[in-house]
Amino acid sequence: MLLDPDSYGSVIRRLFLGFLLVGILCTSTSHADDAPVIPLPPEIAKDLELFGKGVVGRALPAEPIEDVHEIANLGSGVWEYEIVHGGDDGDKVKRESYERLPDEKGAEVWKRTVGTEFVEYVRIDSEHRFGKHLEDDLEVGYSSRFNPGMVWLSKTPAGKTRKIESKIEAFKTGKPDHTSYSGTVKAELEYVGTYEVTTPAGTWPAVLARMAFDIEIGPADVTDTTYMFFAKGVGKIAEIEVTNVSALLVYHSHAKVAKVLTKYPKR
């Protein structure tokens, strides 16, 4: 059974939303003593103008990320974001949360919930590999399975790009043996650098990751570029996503969304 065009587009848009956190949590630079200071490339600075003035500031030393828990602020609680550009149906607030699930084969398992839209399941193993293997779309009742899981290894230095490719299967939630769509996702993760970032919740040194996705699933082609800032002890503090979806002559979508942190769980 195929989805109607609007529901199909919804599935496609959210297939990669959860990939974004996965990549940055596994990034690491060289030693802090020789951490580089990388000015924002002009093309990236142009894209970040969607935040408005006063959000992204000066470049800082891009120090190593040694602990994914520290940079993600993993644990129970709610992160709240103000949508400052774009968004669906005038919604200007987005909430995200984490929940620890029982370990699997020595790896931590976390459930990440984004608003009323989707849930993803990620693992962190003993080698600090952080990856998503399953996602549930709460609005259209479909799930996405990734094989291999969307995983980035650690020790990606600032200014470098890591590539990964995974297969995708989309199926009606609760019916994993009946695949409705299948395809591939090719992704690039760049640890751009560290910058001073100011949001309504505060000002921090923040790691910037640029994520670029090329997705083919069913009749659809998707390109997506996302910028995410993370601060130690806080988690994700700002994000921009630019998405283009084309499904032959059936469905086309273009969206730009920018959001900044307003509240976060303090440990």
Protein backbone atom coordinates (compact mmCIF):
# COMPACT_ATOMS: atom_id res chain seq x y z
CA MET A 1 0.00 0.00 0.00
CA LEU A 2 1.36 3.45 -0.95
CA LEU A 3 0.91 6.66 1.01
CA ASP A 4 -0.94 9.63 -0.41
CA PRO A 5 1.42 12.41 -1.66
CA ASP A 6 1.17 14.60 1.46
CA SER A 7 1.81 11.71 3.85
CA TYR A 8 4.62 10.41 1.66
CA GLY A 9 6.30 13.81 1.75
CA SER A 10 5.96 13.88 5.53
CA VAL A 11 7.71 10.51 5.82
CA ILE A 12 10.52 11.60 3.50
CA ARG A 13 11.13 14.91 5.29
CA ARG A 14 11.52 13.22 8.65
CA LEU A 15 13.59 10.26 7.46
CA PHE A 16 16.69 12.35 7.95
CA LEU A 17 15.70 14.77 10.74
CA GLY A 18 17.05 12.45 13.37
CA PHE A 19 20.33 11.83 11.52
CA LEU A 20 21.58 15.24 12.51
CA LEU A 21 22.21 14.67 16.18
CA VAL A 22 23.90 11.38 15.46
CA GLY A 23 26.75 12.91 13.50
CA ILE A 24 27.85 15.70 15.79
CA LEU A 25 27.89 13.57 18.92
CA CYS A 26 30.70 11.44 17.49
CA THR A 27 32.99 14.24 16.34
CA SER A 28 36.41 14.81 17.89
CA THR A 29 39.33 17.09 17.06
CA SER A 30 43.02 16.92 17.87
CA HIS A 31 44.40 17.80 21.31
CA ALA A 32 43.14 21.00 22.93
CA ASP A 33 46.66 22.52 23.08
CA ASP A 34 46.78 22.82 19.29
CA ALA A 35 43.06 23.18 18.61
CA PRO A 36 42.54 25.27 15.47
CA VAL A 37 40.56 28.51 15.29
CA ILE A 38 38.58 28.36 12.04
CA PRO A 39 36.79 31.50 10.77
CA LEU A 40 33.37 30.81 9.29
CA PRO A 41 33.63 30.13 5.55
CA PRO A 42 31.74 32.88 3.67
CA GLU A 43 29.20 30.47 2.15
CA ILE A 44 28.36 29.04 5.58
CA ALA A 45 28.19 32.51 7.16
CA LYS A 46 25.67 33.43 4.45
CA ASP A 47 23.47 30.43 5.28
CA LEU A 48 23.60 31.22 9.00
CA GLU A 49 22.06 34.66 8.39
CA LEU A 50 18.67 32.92 8.81
CA PHE A 51 19.27 33.12 12.58
CA GLY A 52 19.28 36.91 12.45
CA LYS A 53 21.83 39.27 13.99
CA GLY A 54 23.65 38.57 17.23
CA VAL A 55 23.36 34.77 17.30
CA VAL A 56 26.67 33.56 15.81
CA GLY A 57 29.77 35.39 17.01
CA ARG A 58 33.55 35.03 16.90
CA ALA A 59 35.52 31.87 16.10
CA LEU A 60 37.04 30.01 19.08
CA PRO A 61 39.52 27.11 19.45
CA ALA A 62 37.85 23.92 18.19
CA GLU A 63 38.73 21.69 21.14
CA PRO A 64 38.30 17.90 21.23
CA ILE A 65 34.95 16.34 22.08
CA GLU A 66 35.79 13.45 24.38
CA ASP A 67 32.43 12.62 25.97
CA VAL A 68 29.15 12.45 24.03
CA HIS A 69 27.19 12.74 27.27
CA GLU A 70 28.84 16.06 28.05
CA ILE A 71 28.20 17.64 24.66
CA ALA A 72 24.64 16.28 24.35
CA ASN A 73 23.59 16.83 27.98
CA LEU A 74 21.95 13.40 27.76
CA GLY A 75 19.39 12.61 30.43
CA SER A 76 15.75 13.19 31.23
CA GLY A 77 14.30 16.62 30.56
CA VAL A 78 12.97 18.87 27.81
CA TRP A 79 14.80 21.21 25.43
CA GLU A 80 12.64 24.04 24.09
CA TYR A 81 13.40 26.00 20.92
CA GLU A 82 12.00 29.15 19.34
CA ILE A 83 11.53 28.92 15.58
CA VAL A 84 12.92 32.20 14.25
CA HIS A 85 12.50 31.41 10.54
CA GLY A 86 10.10 29.08 8.74
CA GLY A 87 8.15 26.36 10.53
CA ASP A 88 4.84 24.61 9.86
CA ASP A 89 1.44 26.26 10.30
CA GLY A 90 2.76 29.16 12.35
CA ASP A 91 4.17 26.90 15.07
CA LYS A 92 6.99 28.86 16.75
CA VAL A 93 7.96 26.46 19.56
CA LYS A 94 9.61 23.03 19.23
CA ARG A 95 10.29 20.66 22.14
CA GLU A 96 12.69 17.71 22.26
CA SER A 97 13.43 15.16 24.99
CA TYR A 98 15.57 12.10 25.81
CA GLU A 99 14.83 8.91 27.73
CA ARG A 100 17.33 6.19 28.69
CA LEU A 101 16.20 2.66 27.74
CA PRO A 102 17.69 -0.69 28.85
CA ASP A 103 21.15 -1.41 27.43
CA GLU A 104 21.48 -3.76 24.45
CA LYS A 105 24.60 -5.93 24.08
CA GLY A 106 26.68 -3.58 26.21
CA ALA A 107 25.55 -0.43 24.40
CA GLU A 108 23.48 2.42 25.82
CA VAL A 109 20.10 2.90 24.15
CA TRP A 110 18.34 6.28 24.09
CA LYS A 111 14.88 7.28 22.92
CA ARG A 112 14.72 10.79 21.46
CA THR A 113 11.29 12.40 21.00
CA VAL A 114 10.83 15.52 18.85
CA GLY A 115 7.52 17.25 19.51
CA THR A 116 4.58 15.17 18.38
CA GLU A 117 6.34 14.32 15.11
CA PHE A 118 8.78 11.45 15.53
CA VAL A 119 10.77 9.21 17.87
CA GLU A 120 14.23 7.84 17.14
CA TYR A 121 16.24 5.10 18.86
CA VAL A 122 20.02 5.52 19.10
CA ARG A 123 22.89 3.51 20.60
CA ILE A 124 26.20 4.53 22.17
CA ASP A 125 28.72 1.70 22.41
CA SER A 126 31.94 1.32 24.38
CA GLU A 127 33.94 2.87 21.53
CA HIS A 128 31.82 6.05 21.59
CA ARG A 129 30.10 5.23 18.33
CA PHE A 130 26.71 6.88 18.30
CA GLY A 131 24.15 5.74 15.75
CA LYS A 132 20.47 5.57 14.92
CA HIS A 133 18.93 2.31 13.76
CA LEU A 134 15.16 2.97 13.93
CA GLU A 135 12.73 5.88 13.76
CA ASP A 136 8.94 6.09 14.25
CA ASP A 137 6.94 8.79 12.49
CA LEU A 138 4.14 9.60 14.92
CA GLU A 139 2.04 11.65 12.50
CA VAL A 140 1.70 9.22 9.59
CA GLY A 141 2.21 5.90 11.37
CA TYR A 142 5.30 4.78 9.48
CA SER A 143 8.73 3.67 10.73
CA SER A 144 12.17 3.80 9.10
CA ARG A 145 14.90 1.21 9.55
CA PHE A 146 18.58 1.87 8.70
CA ASN A 147 21.06 -0.86 7.71
CA PRO A 148 23.74 -0.38 8.74
CA GLY A 149 22.68 2.12 11.38
CA MET A 150 23.53 5.75 10.75
CA VAL A 151 26.83 5.79 12.66
CA TRP A 152 29.82 8.14 12.65
CA LEU A 153 33.05 7.04 14.30
CA SER A 154 34.88 9.46 16.58
CA LYS A 155 38.09 11.44 15.94
CA THR A 156 36.91 13.56 13.02
CA PRO A 157 39.06 16.72 13.29
CA ALA A 158 37.71 20.22 12.81
CA GLY A 159 37.68 21.27 9.18
CA LYS A 160 37.41 17.69 7.91
CA THR A 161 34.48 15.80 6.36
CA ARG A 162 33.36 12.24 7.05
CA LYS A 163 31.12 10.31 4.64
CA ILE A 164 28.65 7.51 5.34
CA GLU A 165 26.10 5.53 3.37
CA SER A 166 23.15 3.48 4.65
CA LYS A 167 20.13 1.62 3.29
CA ILE A 168 16.62 2.72 4.34
CA GLU A 169 13.44 0.71 4.64
CA ALA A 170 10.12 2.41 5.44
CA PHE A 171 7.23 0.34 6.76
CA LYS A 172 3.95 0.81 8.56
CA THR A 173 4.65 1.02 12.30
CA GLY A 174 4.23 -2.39 13.90
CA LYS A 175 4.64 -4.23 10.59
CA PRO A 176 8.42 -4.41 10.06
CA ASP A 177 8.17 -7.36 7.65
CA HIS A 178 6.16 -5.40 5.07
CA THR A 179 8.41 -2.77 3.45
CA SER A 180 6.57 0.04 1.65
CA TYR A 181 9.62 1.96 0.39
CA SER A 182 13.35 1.31 0.26
CA GLY A 183 16.37 3.33 -0.78
CA THR A 184 19.72 4.77 0.24
CA VAL A 185 21.07 7.79 2.06
CA LYS A 186 24.50 9.27 1.45
CA ALA A 187 25.64 11.71 4.09
CA GLU A 188 28.58 14.03 4.74
CA LEU A 189 29.45 15.40 8.17
CA GLU A 190 31.80 18.35 8.52
CA TYR A 191 32.99 19.59 11.90
CA VAL A 192 33.26 23.24 10.79
CA GLY A 193 34.69 24.71 14.01
CA THR A 194 33.74 26.26 17.35
CA TYR A 195 32.04 29.64 17.67
CA GLU A 196 30.46 31.88 20.29
CA VAL A 197 26.69 31.50 20.03
CA THR A 198 23.99 33.49 21.82
CA THR A 199 20.36 32.37 22.20
CA PRO A 200 17.59 33.43 24.61
CA ALA A 201 18.87 30.69 26.96
CA GLY A 202 22.47 32.01 27.18
CA THR A 203 25.85 32.41 25.46
CA TRP A 204 28.31 29.53 24.98
CA PRO A 205 31.26 28.26 22.96
CA ALA A 206 29.50 25.91 20.55
CA VAL A 207 30.63 23.22 18.11
CA LEU A 208 29.22 23.69 14.61
CA ALA A 209 28.45 20.69 12.41
CA ARG A 210 27.36 20.91 8.79
CA MET A 211 25.37 17.90 7.58
CA ALA A 212 24.64 17.26 3.89
CA PHE A 213 22.28 14.46 2.81
CA ASP A 214 21.43 12.96 -0.57
CA ILE A 215 18.51 10.53 -0.20
CA GLU A 216 16.81 8.29 -2.74
CA ILE A 217 13.80 6.33 -1.49
CA GLY A 218 10.90 5.07 -3.54
CA PRO A 219 10.20 7.66 -6.26
CA ALA A 220 11.66 10.52 -4.20
CA ASP A 221 14.95 12.42 -4.31
CA VAL A 222 15.85 14.47 -1.26
CA THR A 223 18.67 16.91 -0.60
CA ASP A 224 19.11 18.37 2.85
CA THR A 225 21.69 20.68 4.43
CA THR A 226 21.63 21.28 8.16
CA TYR A 227 23.77 23.31 10.53
CA MET A 228 23.74 22.43 14.24
CA PHE A 229 25.46 24.07 17.21
CA PHE A 230 26.17 22.09 20.41
CA ALA A 231 27.48 23.41 23.74
CA LYS A 232 29.02 21.36 26.55
CA GLY A 233 26.61 20.66 29.38
CA VAL A 234 23.70 22.13 27.41
CA GLY A 235 23.13 20.10 24.23
CA LYS A 236 21.90 21.45 20.90
CA ILE A 237 21.51 25.22 21.12
CA ALA A 238 20.74 26.28 17.53
CA GLU A 239 19.86 24.68 14.20
CA ILE A 240 19.17 25.56 10.56
CA GLU A 241 17.78 23.08 8.05
CA VAL A 242 17.26 23.55 4.31
CA THR A 243 15.31 20.72 2.61
CA ASN A 244 14.32 19.96 -0.97
CA VAL A 245 12.06 17.00 -1.81
CA SER A 246 11.08 15.87 -5.32
CA ALA A 247 8.92 12.79 -5.97
CA LEU A 248 8.59 12.70 -9.75
CA LEU A 249 5.51 14.77 -10.65
CA VAL A 250 3.68 13.83 -7.44
CA TYR A 251 5.26 15.82 -4.64
CA HIS A 252 7.64 18.76 -4.37
CA SER A 253 8.70 20.61 -1.24
CA HIS A 254 11.24 23.27 -0.27
CA ALA A 255 11.68 24.47 3.29
CA LYS A 256 14.07 26.54 5.41
CA VAL A 257 13.78 26.42 9.21
CA ALA A 258 15.94 28.09 11.87
CA LYS A 259 15.52 27.64 15.62
CA VAL A 260 17.34 28.71 18.80
CA LEU A 261 17.31 27.36 22.34
CA THR A 262 15.12 29.00 24.96
CA LYS A 263 15.08 26.40 27.80
CA TYR A 264 17.11 23.29 28.65
CA PRO A 265 17.47 20.80 31.54
CA LYS A 266 20.24 21.85 33.94
CA ARG A 267 22.05 18.91 35.56
